[in-house]
N, C-alpha and C. Protein backbone atom coordinates (compact mmCIF):
# COMPACT_ATOMS: atom_id res chain seq x y z
N UNK A 1 11.63 73.07 21.00
CA UNK A 1 11.98 72.63 22.14
C UNK A 1 10.97 72.40 23.35
N UNK A 2 10.89 71.08 24.06
CA UNK A 2 10.07 70.76 24.95
C UNK A 2 10.07 71.87 26.14
N UNK A 3 8.69 72.11 26.80
CA UNK A 3 9.17 72.52 28.01
C UNK A 3 8.18 71.35 29.42
N UNK A 4 8.80 71.83 30.16
CA UNK A 4 8.26 71.01 31.36
C UNK A 4 7.84 71.94 32.56
N UNK A 5 6.68 71.53 33.09
CA UNK A 5 5.89 72.57 34.16
C UNK A 5 5.93 71.73 35.54
N UNK A 6 6.30 71.64 36.46
CA UNK A 6 5.96 70.99 37.48
C UNK A 6 5.33 71.71 38.52
N UNK A 7 4.11 70.79 38.81
CA UNK A 7 3.10 71.23 39.90
C UNK A 7 3.21 70.49 41.01
N UNK A 8 2.70 71.40 42.00
CA UNK A 8 2.65 70.55 43.82
C UNK A 8 1.39 70.12 43.70
N UNK A 9 0.74 68.89 43.86
CA UNK A 9 -0.47 68.53 44.38
C UNK A 9 -1.71 68.34 43.66
N UNK A 10 -1.48 69.61 42.47
CA UNK A 10 -2.73 69.53 41.60
C UNK A 10 -2.26 70.32 40.42
N UNK A 11 -3.20 70.47 39.41
CA UNK A 11 -3.04 71.18 38.10
C UNK A 11 -3.21 72.82 38.58
N UNK A 12 -2.61 73.94 37.82
CA UNK A 12 -3.45 74.95 38.14
C UNK A 12 -4.80 74.98 37.93
N UNK A 13 -5.59 76.29 38.48
CA UNK A 13 -6.62 76.80 38.10
C UNK A 13 -6.88 77.10 36.72
N UNK A 14 -7.90 76.58 35.99
CA UNK A 14 -8.21 77.39 34.53
C UNK A 14 -7.31 76.84 33.64
N UNK A 15 -6.39 76.05 33.87
CA UNK A 15 -5.64 75.68 32.63
C UNK A 15 -6.18 74.45 31.42
N UNK A 16 -6.30 75.26 30.55
CA UNK A 16 -6.87 74.15 29.34
C UNK A 16 -6.03 73.70 28.49
N UNK A 17 -6.21 72.33 28.43
CA UNK A 17 -5.68 71.09 27.69
C UNK A 17 -5.89 70.70 26.61
N UNK A 18 -7.00 71.20 26.37
CA UNK A 18 -7.83 71.03 24.95
C UNK A 18 -8.50 69.82 25.25
N UNK A 19 -9.39 69.14 24.24
CA UNK A 19 -9.92 68.13 23.99
C UNK A 19 -9.62 66.79 24.01
N UNK A 20 -8.30 66.67 23.84
CA UNK A 20 -7.69 65.25 24.17
C UNK A 20 -6.35 65.59 24.73
N UNK A 21 -6.40 64.88 25.66
CA UNK A 21 -4.93 65.07 26.80
C UNK A 21 -4.27 63.95 26.83
N UNK A 22 -2.58 64.01 26.60
CA UNK A 22 -2.09 62.68 26.73
C UNK A 22 -1.56 62.54 28.06
N UNK A 23 -1.80 61.39 28.94
CA UNK A 23 -1.61 61.31 30.43
C UNK A 23 -1.06 60.01 30.26
N UNK A 24 0.10 59.84 31.84
CA UNK A 24 1.20 58.92 32.11
C UNK A 24 1.11 59.11 33.64
N UNK A 25 1.58 58.01 34.04
CA UNK A 25 1.80 58.05 35.71
C UNK A 25 3.09 57.14 35.79
N UNK A 26 3.30 57.72 37.45
CA UNK A 26 4.60 57.23 37.88
C UNK A 26 4.42 56.89 39.31
N UNK A 27 4.49 55.71 39.55
CA UNK A 27 4.29 55.22 40.74
C UNK A 27 5.84 54.27 41.44
N UNK A 28 5.23 53.75 42.47
CA UNK A 28 6.23 53.47 43.68
C UNK A 28 6.72 52.09 42.76
N UNK A 29 5.87 51.41 41.89
CA UNK A 29 6.07 49.85 41.24
C UNK A 29 5.00 50.17 40.48
N UNK A 30 4.74 48.32 40.26
CA UNK A 30 4.06 47.85 39.14
C UNK A 30 2.92 47.17 39.80
N UNK A 31 2.60 47.68 40.76
CA UNK A 31 1.27 46.77 41.72
C UNK A 31 0.42 48.19 41.82
N UNK A 32 -0.63 48.39 40.78
CA UNK A 32 -1.37 49.68 41.29
C UNK A 32 -2.26 49.60 42.55
N UNK A 33 -2.47 48.40 43.75
CA UNK A 33 -2.94 48.20 44.47
C UNK A 33 -2.40 48.49 45.67
N UNK A 34 -1.03 48.26 45.62
CA UNK A 34 0.18 48.38 46.90
C UNK A 34 0.94 49.53 46.39
N UNK A 35 1.60 49.82 45.16
CA UNK A 35 2.51 51.07 44.80
C UNK A 35 1.63 52.32 44.91
N UNK A 36 2.30 53.34 45.56
CA UNK A 36 1.28 54.62 45.48
C UNK A 36 1.71 55.22 44.08
N UNK A 37 0.70 56.30 43.86
CA UNK A 37 0.98 56.96 42.84
C UNK A 37 1.55 58.44 43.58
N UNK A 38 2.86 58.60 42.59
CA UNK A 38 3.62 59.67 42.71
C UNK A 38 3.66 60.77 41.97
N UNK A 39 3.23 60.41 40.70
CA UNK A 39 3.57 61.66 39.71
C UNK A 39 2.50 61.32 38.27
N UNK A 40 1.63 62.43 38.14
CA UNK A 40 0.91 62.35 36.76
C UNK A 40 1.47 63.32 35.70
N UNK A 41 1.59 63.06 34.52
CA UNK A 41 2.19 63.91 33.65
C UNK A 41 0.99 64.09 32.53
N UNK A 42 0.87 65.22 32.04
CA UNK A 42 -0.19 65.77 31.11
C UNK A 42 0.39 66.43 29.96
N UNK A 43 -0.17 66.51 28.79
CA UNK A 43 0.17 67.13 27.95
C UNK A 43 -0.89 67.26 26.99
N UNK A 44 -1.16 68.52 26.42
CA UNK A 44 -2.21 68.58 24.82
C UNK A 44 -1.49 68.56 23.80
N UNK A 45 -0.13 68.06 23.52
CA UNK A 45 0.28 68.03 22.30
C UNK A 45 1.08 69.55 21.71
N UNK A 46 1.18 70.18 22.58
CA UNK A 46 1.69 71.45 21.80
C UNK A 46 3.44 71.56 22.57
N UNK A 47 3.96 70.56 22.76
CA UNK A 47 5.45 70.44 23.66
C UNK A 47 5.43 71.13 24.61
N UNK A 48 4.33 71.11 25.25
CA UNK A 48 4.66 71.25 26.94
C UNK A 48 3.93 70.16 27.78
N UNK A 49 4.43 69.79 28.63
CA UNK A 49 4.56 68.60 29.44
C UNK A 49 4.12 69.04 30.99
N UNK A 50 3.10 68.95 31.30
CA UNK A 50 2.59 69.47 32.96
C UNK A 50 2.62 68.42 33.83
N UNK A 51 3.71 68.25 34.86
CA UNK A 51 4.08 67.04 35.78
C UNK A 51 3.28 67.53 37.35
N UNK A 52 2.32 66.65 37.54
CA UNK A 52 1.65 67.01 38.89
C UNK A 52 2.29 66.12 39.94
N UNK A 53 3.06 66.26 40.99
CA UNK A 53 3.95 65.70 41.93
C UNK A 53 2.32 65.43 42.89
N UNK A 54 2.47 64.23 43.42
CA UNK A 54 1.34 63.96 44.28
C UNK A 54 1.80 63.86 45.50
N UNK A 55 1.83 64.65 46.27
CA UNK A 55 2.44 64.45 47.82
C UNK A 55 1.85 63.93 48.72
N UNK A 56 2.20 63.09 49.58
CA UNK A 56 1.38 61.78 50.43
C UNK A 56 0.60 63.01 51.48
N UNK A 57 -0.78 62.62 51.95
CA UNK A 57 -1.10 63.27 53.14
C UNK A 57 -0.49 62.93 54.18
N UNK A 58 0.30 61.91 54.14
CA UNK A 58 0.97 61.93 55.59
C UNK A 58 2.33 62.58 55.71
N UNK A 59 2.70 63.12 55.19
CA UNK A 59 3.64 64.34 54.73
C UNK A 59 3.21 65.74 54.96
N UNK A 60 1.99 65.95 55.04
CA UNK A 60 1.60 67.17 55.18
C UNK A 60 0.89 68.03 54.28
N UNK A 61 1.18 66.94 52.76
CA UNK A 61 0.41 67.86 51.75
C UNK A 61 -0.59 67.59 51.33
N UNK A 62 -1.33 68.14 50.21
CA UNK A 62 -2.72 67.90 49.88
C UNK A 62 -3.00 66.53 49.25
N UNK A 63 -1.82 65.72 48.93
CA UNK A 63 -2.03 64.67 48.71
C UNK A 63 -3.28 64.24 47.47
N UNK A 64 -4.11 63.25 47.93
CA UNK A 64 -5.21 62.99 47.12
C UNK A 64 -6.13 64.11 46.86
N UNK A 65 -6.13 65.42 47.31
CA UNK A 65 -7.05 66.19 46.83
C UNK A 65 -6.55 67.13 45.98
N UNK A 66 -6.81 66.57 44.72
CA UNK A 66 -6.41 67.25 43.38
C UNK A 66 -8.01 67.53 42.91
N UNK A 67 -8.71 68.78 43.30
CA UNK A 67 -10.04 68.53 42.35
C UNK A 67 -9.56 69.24 40.89
N UNK A 68 -8.52 70.14 40.79
CA UNK A 68 -8.66 70.39 39.32
C UNK A 68 -8.31 68.99 38.27
N UNK A 69 -7.01 68.34 38.69
CA UNK A 69 -6.72 66.81 38.24
C UNK A 69 -8.19 65.90 38.09
N UNK A 70 -8.47 65.92 39.35
CA UNK A 70 -9.76 64.88 39.41
C UNK A 70 -10.73 65.43 38.24
N UNK A 71 -11.12 66.66 38.02
CA UNK A 71 -11.81 67.50 37.37
C UNK A 71 -11.58 67.20 35.90
N UNK A 72 -10.49 67.28 35.48
CA UNK A 72 -10.39 66.70 34.04
C UNK A 72 -10.08 65.25 33.75
N UNK A 73 -9.76 64.10 34.99
CA UNK A 73 -9.72 63.23 34.56
C UNK A 73 -11.03 61.93 34.61
N UNK A 74 -11.88 62.80 35.06
CA UNK A 74 -13.78 62.82 35.01
C UNK A 74 -14.47 63.38 33.83
N UNK A 75 -14.12 64.20 33.14
CA UNK A 75 -14.72 65.18 32.49
C UNK A 75 -15.18 64.36 31.07
N UNK A 76 -16.36 64.14 30.67
CA UNK A 76 -16.83 63.53 29.56
C UNK A 76 -16.58 63.93 28.60
N UNK A 77 -16.03 65.08 28.13
CA UNK A 77 -15.69 66.18 27.15
C UNK A 77 -14.08 65.97 27.07
N UNK A 78 -13.38 65.53 27.70
CA UNK A 78 -12.24 65.45 27.27
C UNK A 78 -11.47 63.97 27.35
N UNK A 79 -11.13 63.94 26.20
CA UNK A 79 -10.76 62.36 25.88
C UNK A 79 -9.31 62.24 26.49
N UNK A 80 -8.97 61.31 27.49
CA UNK A 80 -7.75 60.62 27.92
C UNK A 80 -6.88 60.19 27.29
N UNK A 81 -5.84 60.23 26.58
CA UNK A 81 -4.72 59.44 25.39
C UNK A 81 -3.65 58.83 26.50
N UNK A 82 -3.55 57.41 26.64
CA UNK A 82 -2.43 56.97 27.27
C UNK A 82 -1.98 55.77 26.17
N UNK A 83 -1.04 55.45 26.93
CA UNK A 83 0.04 54.26 26.36
C UNK A 83 -0.04 53.40 27.59
N UNK A 84 -0.71 51.94 27.39
CA UNK A 84 -1.25 51.24 28.65
C UNK A 84 -2.02 51.58 29.48
N UNK A 85 -3.21 52.38 29.07
CA UNK A 85 -4.33 52.48 30.09
C UNK A 85 -4.72 51.66 31.13
N UNK A 86 -4.73 50.48 31.07
CA UNK A 86 -4.84 49.67 31.86
C UNK A 86 -4.51 49.83 33.30
N UNK A 87 -2.86 50.23 33.25
CA UNK A 87 -2.30 50.28 34.51
C UNK A 87 -2.46 51.78 35.21
N UNK A 88 -2.70 52.73 34.29
CA UNK A 88 -2.66 54.18 34.93
C UNK A 88 -3.93 54.32 34.80
N UNK A 89 -4.90 53.90 34.56
CA UNK A 89 -6.08 54.26 34.93
C UNK A 89 -6.65 53.66 36.64
N UNK A 90 -6.08 52.48 36.86
CA UNK A 90 -5.96 51.70 38.00
C UNK A 90 -5.03 52.15 39.20
N UNK A 91 -3.88 53.05 38.63
CA UNK A 91 -2.94 53.83 39.65
C UNK A 91 -4.12 55.05 39.80
N UNK A 92 -4.69 55.83 39.29
CA UNK A 92 -5.37 56.91 39.18
C UNK A 92 -6.34 56.82 40.36
N UNK A 93 -7.17 55.55 39.82
CA UNK A 93 -8.42 55.32 40.73
C UNK A 93 -7.92 55.00 42.25
N UNK A 94 -6.63 54.33 42.49
CA UNK A 94 -6.55 53.58 43.55
C UNK A 94 -5.60 55.01 44.02
N UNK A 95 -4.97 55.93 43.53
CA UNK A 95 -4.58 57.05 44.21
C UNK A 95 -5.43 58.31 44.55
N UNK A 96 -6.59 58.57 43.71
CA UNK A 96 -7.31 59.88 43.58
C UNK A 96 -8.53 59.09 43.71
N UNK A 97 -8.67 58.29 43.99
CA UNK A 97 -10.22 57.60 43.89
C UNK A 97 -11.17 58.09 42.87
N UNK A 98 -10.83 58.19 41.77
CA UNK A 98 -11.81 58.57 40.46
C UNK A 98 -11.45 57.44 39.68
N UNK A 99 -12.47 57.55 38.59
CA UNK A 99 -12.82 56.64 37.25
C UNK A 99 -12.40 57.63 36.35
N UNK A 100 -10.73 57.30 35.27
CA UNK A 100 -10.72 57.89 34.69
C UNK A 100 -11.39 57.72 33.40
N UNK A 101 -12.19 58.45 32.16
CA UNK A 101 -13.24 58.08 31.25
C UNK A 101 -13.35 59.35 30.38
N UNK A 102 -13.58 59.68 29.40
CA UNK A 102 -13.35 58.70 28.16
C UNK A 102 -11.81 58.39 28.13
N UNK A 103 -11.52 57.26 27.61
CA UNK A 103 -10.15 57.08 27.39
C UNK A 103 -9.65 56.15 25.92
N UNK A 104 -8.45 56.43 25.68
CA UNK A 104 -7.39 56.25 24.36
C UNK A 104 -6.50 55.37 24.86
N UNK A 105 -5.97 54.17 24.29
CA UNK A 105 -5.24 53.52 24.59
C UNK A 105 -4.15 53.28 23.24
N UNK A 106 -2.84 53.80 23.16
CA UNK A 106 -2.20 53.62 22.05
C UNK A 106 -1.24 52.00 21.81
N UNK A 107 -1.41 51.38 23.13
CA UNK A 107 -0.88 49.91 23.33
C UNK A 107 -1.88 49.55 22.70
N UNK A 108 -3.22 49.41 22.90
CA UNK A 108 -4.23 48.64 22.23
C UNK A 108 -4.00 48.80 20.65
N UNK A 109 -4.03 49.99 20.34
CA UNK A 109 -4.50 50.14 18.89
C UNK A 109 -3.07 49.70 18.24
N UNK A 110 -1.98 49.92 19.15
CA UNK A 110 -0.78 49.46 17.98
C UNK A 110 -0.91 47.78 18.20
N UNK A 111 -1.36 46.86 19.26
CA UNK A 111 -1.79 45.67 19.04
C UNK A 111 -2.58 45.14 17.93
N UNK A 112 -3.92 46.24 17.85
CA UNK A 112 -4.61 45.67 16.53
C UNK A 112 -4.18 46.07 15.13
N UNK A 113 -3.17 46.64 15.16
CA UNK A 113 -2.99 47.35 13.79
C UNK A 113 -1.41 46.89 13.37
N UNK A 114 -0.57 46.94 14.25
CA UNK A 114 0.87 46.48 13.96
C UNK A 114 1.34 44.93 14.18
N UNK A 115 0.39 44.08 13.68
CA UNK A 115 0.46 42.93 13.85
C UNK A 115 1.57 42.11 13.49
N UNK A 116 2.35 42.60 12.72
CA UNK A 116 3.68 42.34 12.01
C UNK A 116 4.90 42.30 13.09
N UNK A 117 4.59 43.09 14.38
CA UNK A 117 5.43 42.73 15.46
C UNK A 117 4.86 42.79 16.94
N UNK A 118 5.59 42.18 17.61
CA UNK A 118 5.74 42.58 19.04
C UNK A 118 5.89 43.08 19.81
N UNK A 119 6.41 44.10 19.35
CA UNK A 119 7.40 45.21 19.73
C UNK A 119 6.52 46.44 20.00
N UNK A 120 5.69 46.54 20.82
CA UNK A 120 4.89 47.35 20.95
C UNK A 120 4.76 48.30 22.03
N UNK A 121 5.97 48.68 22.63
CA UNK A 121 6.15 49.44 23.96
C UNK A 121 6.31 50.90 23.49
N UNK A 122 6.17 51.59 24.25
CA UNK A 122 6.38 53.26 23.64
C UNK A 122 7.38 53.78 23.25
N UNK A 123 8.70 53.31 23.69
CA UNK A 123 10.08 53.47 23.15
C UNK A 123 10.10 53.14 21.21
N UNK A 124 9.22 51.93 21.36
CA UNK A 124 9.05 51.63 19.84
C UNK A 124 8.34 52.35 19.06
N UNK A 125 7.05 52.53 19.62
CA UNK A 125 5.85 53.49 19.04
C UNK A 125 6.78 55.10 18.66
N UNK A 126 7.21 55.50 19.58
CA UNK A 126 7.92 56.80 19.49
C UNK A 126 9.25 56.91 18.20
N UNK A 127 10.01 55.69 18.16
CA UNK A 127 10.81 55.48 16.82
C UNK A 127 10.24 55.49 15.86
N UNK A 128 9.48 54.70 15.63
CA UNK A 128 8.67 54.12 14.32
C UNK A 128 7.81 55.17 13.71
N UNK A 129 6.82 55.42 14.79
CA UNK A 129 5.70 56.43 14.37
C UNK A 129 6.03 57.91 14.56
N UNK A 130 6.81 58.50 15.52
CA UNK A 130 7.42 59.56 15.70
C UNK A 130 8.96 60.04 15.11
N UNK A 131 9.51 59.11 15.04
CA UNK A 131 10.95 59.26 14.82
C UNK A 131 11.58 59.95 15.95
N UNK A 132 11.50 59.52 17.51
CA UNK A 132 12.11 59.67 18.29
C UNK A 132 12.85 58.84 19.20
N UNK A 133 13.83 59.25 19.42
CA UNK A 133 14.52 58.26 20.61
C UNK A 133 14.39 58.50 21.75
N UNK A 134 13.53 58.14 22.80
CA UNK A 134 13.12 58.18 24.25
C UNK A 134 14.34 57.38 24.97
N UNK A 135 14.77 57.72 25.79
CA UNK A 135 15.15 56.71 27.06
C UNK A 135 14.43 56.55 28.00
N UNK A 136 14.51 54.88 28.41
CA UNK A 136 13.98 54.57 29.56
C UNK A 136 14.46 54.59 30.83
N UNK A 137 15.71 55.06 30.95
CA UNK A 137 16.92 54.86 31.91
C UNK A 137 16.24 54.83 33.40
N UNK A 138 15.31 55.91 33.75
CA UNK A 138 14.85 56.44 34.64
C UNK A 138 13.67 55.62 34.91
N UNK A 139 13.13 54.86 34.20
CA UNK A 139 12.00 54.10 34.35
C UNK A 139 11.77 53.64 35.81
N UNK A 140 12.91 53.01 36.29
CA UNK A 140 12.78 52.22 37.64
C UNK A 140 13.64 52.96 38.94
N UNK A 141 13.55 54.56 38.60
CA UNK A 141 13.98 55.18 39.65
C UNK A 141 13.07 55.42 40.91
N UNK A 142 13.66 55.90 41.93
CA UNK A 142 12.37 56.37 43.08
C UNK A 142 11.72 57.55 42.76
N UNK A 143 10.32 57.27 42.55
CA UNK A 143 9.33 58.25 42.28
C UNK A 143 9.10 58.85 43.38
N UNK A 144 9.17 58.27 44.15
CA UNK A 144 8.49 58.69 45.41
C UNK A 144 9.42 59.89 46.24
N UNK A 145 10.61 60.34 45.61
CA UNK A 145 11.59 61.27 46.37
C UNK A 145 10.74 62.63 46.35
N UNK A 146 10.74 63.22 47.83
CA UNK A 146 10.45 64.61 47.52
C UNK A 146 10.80 65.52 46.61
N UNK A 147 12.06 65.52 46.26
CA UNK A 147 12.59 66.32 45.01
C UNK A 147 13.31 65.35 43.87
N UNK A 148 12.40 65.36 42.43
CA UNK A 148 12.74 64.64 41.52
C UNK A 148 14.20 65.34 41.15
N UNK A 149 14.84 64.61 39.99
CA UNK A 149 15.87 65.06 39.53
C UNK A 149 15.60 65.62 38.08
N UNK A 150 16.56 66.56 37.67
CA UNK A 150 16.03 66.84 36.13
C UNK A 150 15.97 65.65 35.21
N UNK A 151 16.93 64.54 35.55
CA UNK A 151 16.64 63.28 34.52
C UNK A 151 15.44 62.78 34.88
N UNK A 152 14.59 62.61 35.73
CA UNK A 152 13.34 61.87 36.03
C UNK A 152 12.08 62.79 35.46
N UNK A 153 12.55 64.37 35.58
CA UNK A 153 11.19 65.09 34.90
C UNK A 153 11.50 64.86 33.62
N UNK A 154 12.57 64.72 33.00
CA UNK A 154 12.78 64.97 31.28
C UNK A 154 12.16 63.12 31.07
N UNK A 155 12.33 62.53 31.57
CA UNK A 155 12.00 61.05 31.23
C UNK A 155 10.37 61.20 31.11
N UNK A 156 9.99 61.65 32.41
CA UNK A 156 8.48 61.61 32.82
C UNK A 156 7.83 62.68 31.72
N UNK A 157 8.35 63.43 31.40
CA UNK A 157 7.96 64.55 30.24
C UNK A 157 7.45 63.82 28.78
N UNK A 158 8.63 62.68 28.52
CA UNK A 158 8.82 62.21 27.40
C UNK A 158 7.79 61.05 27.13
N UNK A 159 7.22 60.46 28.15
CA UNK A 159 6.14 59.53 28.00
C UNK A 159 4.79 59.90 27.83
N UNK A 160 4.36 61.77 27.38
CA UNK A 160 3.39 62.30 27.04
C UNK A 160 3.87 63.01 25.69
N UNK A 161 5.05 63.67 25.57
CA UNK A 161 4.92 64.60 24.56
C UNK A 161 4.42 64.16 23.14
N UNK A 162 4.99 63.04 23.36
CA UNK A 162 4.61 62.26 21.58
C UNK A 162 3.40 61.49 21.51
N UNK A 163 2.63 61.54 22.51
CA UNK A 163 1.29 60.39 22.44
C UNK A 163 0.32 60.73 21.03
N UNK A 164 0.46 62.05 20.84
CA UNK A 164 -0.92 62.82 19.98
C UNK A 164 -0.09 62.68 18.28
N UNK A 165 1.20 62.55 18.48
CA UNK A 165 1.45 62.37 16.99
C UNK A 165 1.41 60.63 16.87
N UNK A 166 1.88 60.00 17.87
CA UNK A 166 1.65 58.35 17.49
C UNK A 166 0.05 58.17 17.36
N UNK A 167 -0.84 59.08 18.28
CA UNK A 167 -2.17 58.30 18.00
C UNK A 167 -2.76 58.52 16.89
N UNK A 168 -2.42 59.70 16.16
CA UNK A 168 -2.84 60.27 15.05
C UNK A 168 -2.46 58.94 13.75
N UNK A 169 -1.36 58.67 14.02
CA UNK A 169 -0.87 57.38 13.01
C UNK A 169 -1.55 56.42 12.98
N UNK A 170 -1.67 55.87 14.55
CA UNK A 170 -2.37 54.67 14.70
C UNK A 170 -4.01 54.37 14.39
N UNK A 171 -4.48 55.62 14.70
CA UNK A 171 -5.97 55.80 14.31
C UNK A 171 -6.20 55.67 12.96
N UNK A 172 -4.82 56.35 12.03
CA UNK A 172 -5.06 55.99 10.28
C UNK A 172 -4.83 54.70 10.04
N UNK A 173 -4.19 54.05 10.98
CA UNK A 173 -3.90 52.42 10.68
C UNK A 173 -5.25 51.93 10.91
N UNK A 174 -5.55 52.23 12.62
CA UNK A 174 -7.19 51.49 12.49
C UNK A 174 -8.46 51.69 11.61
N UNK A 175 -8.30 52.87 10.71
CA UNK A 175 -9.20 53.21 10.21
C UNK A 175 -8.69 52.20 8.56
N UNK A 176 -7.79 52.36 8.63
CA UNK A 176 -7.43 51.55 7.22
C UNK A 176 -7.61 49.92 7.50
N UNK A 177 -7.40 50.05 8.47
CA UNK A 177 -7.81 48.03 8.72
C UNK A 177 -8.83 47.56 9.34
N UNK A 178 -9.84 48.80 9.32
CA UNK A 178 -11.27 48.34 9.78
C UNK A 178 -11.44 48.14 11.07
N UNK A 179 -10.79 48.43 11.84
CA UNK A 179 -10.48 48.01 13.30
C UNK A 179 -10.77 49.00 14.12
N UNK A 180 -11.66 50.25 13.67
CA UNK A 180 -11.56 51.16 14.94
C UNK A 180 -12.78 51.07 15.56
N UNK A 181 -13.97 50.47 15.23
CA UNK A 181 -14.69 50.23 16.31
C UNK A 181 -14.45 49.24 17.16
N UNK A 182 -13.79 48.15 17.04
CA UNK A 182 -13.26 47.27 17.97
C UNK A 182 -12.36 47.83 18.88
N UNK A 183 -11.76 48.93 18.62
CA UNK A 183 -10.52 49.46 19.11
C UNK A 183 -11.46 50.51 20.34
N UNK A 184 -12.71 51.20 19.90
CA UNK A 184 -13.42 51.99 20.62
C UNK A 184 -13.75 51.17 21.82
N UNK A 185 -14.02 49.78 21.22
CA UNK A 185 -15.22 49.25 22.55
C UNK A 185 -14.09 48.60 23.59
N UNK A 186 -12.74 48.30 22.73
CA UNK A 186 -11.99 47.94 24.11
C UNK A 186 -11.61 49.01 24.87
N UNK A 187 -11.60 50.51 24.26
CA UNK A 187 -11.21 51.70 24.80
C UNK A 187 -12.22 51.50 26.44
N UNK A 188 -13.86 51.20 25.79
CA UNK A 188 -14.60 51.73 26.55
C UNK A 188 -14.95 50.78 27.89
N UNK A 189 -13.81 49.65 27.87
CA UNK A 189 -14.12 48.13 28.42
C UNK A 189 -12.74 49.20 29.56
N UNK A 190 -11.93 49.70 29.22
CA UNK A 190 -10.56 49.67 29.83
C UNK A 190 -10.89 50.22 31.54
N UNK A 191 -11.95 51.00 31.87
CA UNK A 191 -12.20 51.42 33.54
C UNK A 191 -12.61 50.26 34.10
N UNK A 192 -13.22 49.37 33.37
CA UNK A 192 -13.74 48.27 34.07
C UNK A 192 -12.76 47.15 34.15
N UNK A 193 -11.88 46.92 33.30
CA UNK A 193 -10.42 46.02 33.37
C UNK A 193 -9.67 46.44 34.56
N UNK A 194 -9.55 47.94 34.81
CA UNK A 194 -8.74 48.64 35.65
C UNK A 194 -9.36 48.21 37.06
N UNK A 195 -10.87 48.33 37.00
CA UNK A 195 -11.09 47.91 38.32
C UNK A 195 -11.10 46.44 38.85
N UNK A 196 -11.22 45.95 37.78
CA UNK A 196 -10.82 43.91 37.94
C UNK A 196 -9.73 43.89 38.39
N UNK A 197 -8.69 44.94 38.06
CA UNK A 197 -7.34 44.42 38.81
C UNK A 197 -7.15 44.98 40.00
N UNK A 198 -7.59 45.93 40.37
CA UNK A 198 -7.70 46.64 41.95
C UNK A 198 -8.57 45.54 42.58
N UNK A 199 -9.18 44.72 42.34
CA UNK A 199 -9.56 43.87 42.85
C UNK A 199 -9.15 42.28 43.33
N UNK A 200 -8.01 42.28 42.26
CA UNK A 200 -7.07 41.16 42.29
C UNK A 200 -7.37 40.24 41.49
N UNK A 201 -8.11 40.61 40.60
CA UNK A 201 -8.13 39.81 39.29
C UNK A 201 -7.34 39.85 37.99
N UNK A 202 -6.24 39.59 38.66
CA UNK A 202 -4.79 40.04 37.66
C UNK A 202 -4.42 38.25 37.18
N UNK A 203 -4.33 37.57 38.44
CA UNK A 203 -3.93 36.40 38.00
C UNK A 203 -4.08 35.13 39.24
N UNK A 204 -5.61 34.64 38.90
CA UNK A 204 -5.74 34.14 37.36
C UNK A 204 -6.80 35.14 36.71
N UNK A 205 -6.84 35.82 35.76
CA UNK A 205 -7.84 36.34 34.81
C UNK A 205 -9.25 36.19 35.25
N UNK A 206 -9.88 37.21 35.38
CA UNK A 206 -11.29 37.01 35.29
C UNK A 206 -11.93 36.15 34.14
N UNK A 207 -11.15 36.31 33.02
CA UNK A 207 -11.86 35.86 31.81
C UNK A 207 -11.02 34.44 31.05
N UNK A 208 -10.12 34.39 31.83
CA UNK A 208 -9.67 32.69 31.67
C UNK A 208 -10.17 31.74 32.14
N UNK A 209 -10.01 30.53 31.42
CA UNK A 209 -10.88 29.27 31.73
C UNK A 209 -10.83 28.72 33.14
């Protein structure tokens, strides 16, 4: 049975989540430049989700002062595993002032390998690759609330609990289809792509004609 550990402001000191950590974020909206970071979810793939509630400094909390979380995000020896890393990296940089690296993105891996479908959302990957049905009902709820509901916590945890299983399946597909190296190159570029998003190069895209 999955476990959820909710932390205020930061991860506990000394917590070891291993060499590959699944991470997701919840924000007040879908513009990382405008919408503040509210929650960071992490899992080592052991069935436990650690949720860090980011308390705004203006409310008297420690806010962006998350030394343990920041150390993990920037640790070169820890790979951060995301689904749609582009958004989360931008949200983390805007909210915490750090560049998250190195990273893996299951959405990129899925797009490179599952070319027989355009359904590459986390819900579809959980169903197809992990055999788990997750609910997205709480996706648009108020993540800035001082007290999060049990439904919100369960939803947030579900976004990281299955990423290790999904990544193992996708990595095998990348190797089978001879696309692992191009995936690695795309992952390495993601922090730069996120920085471009924060600079406003979303529409028009810097790489568009």
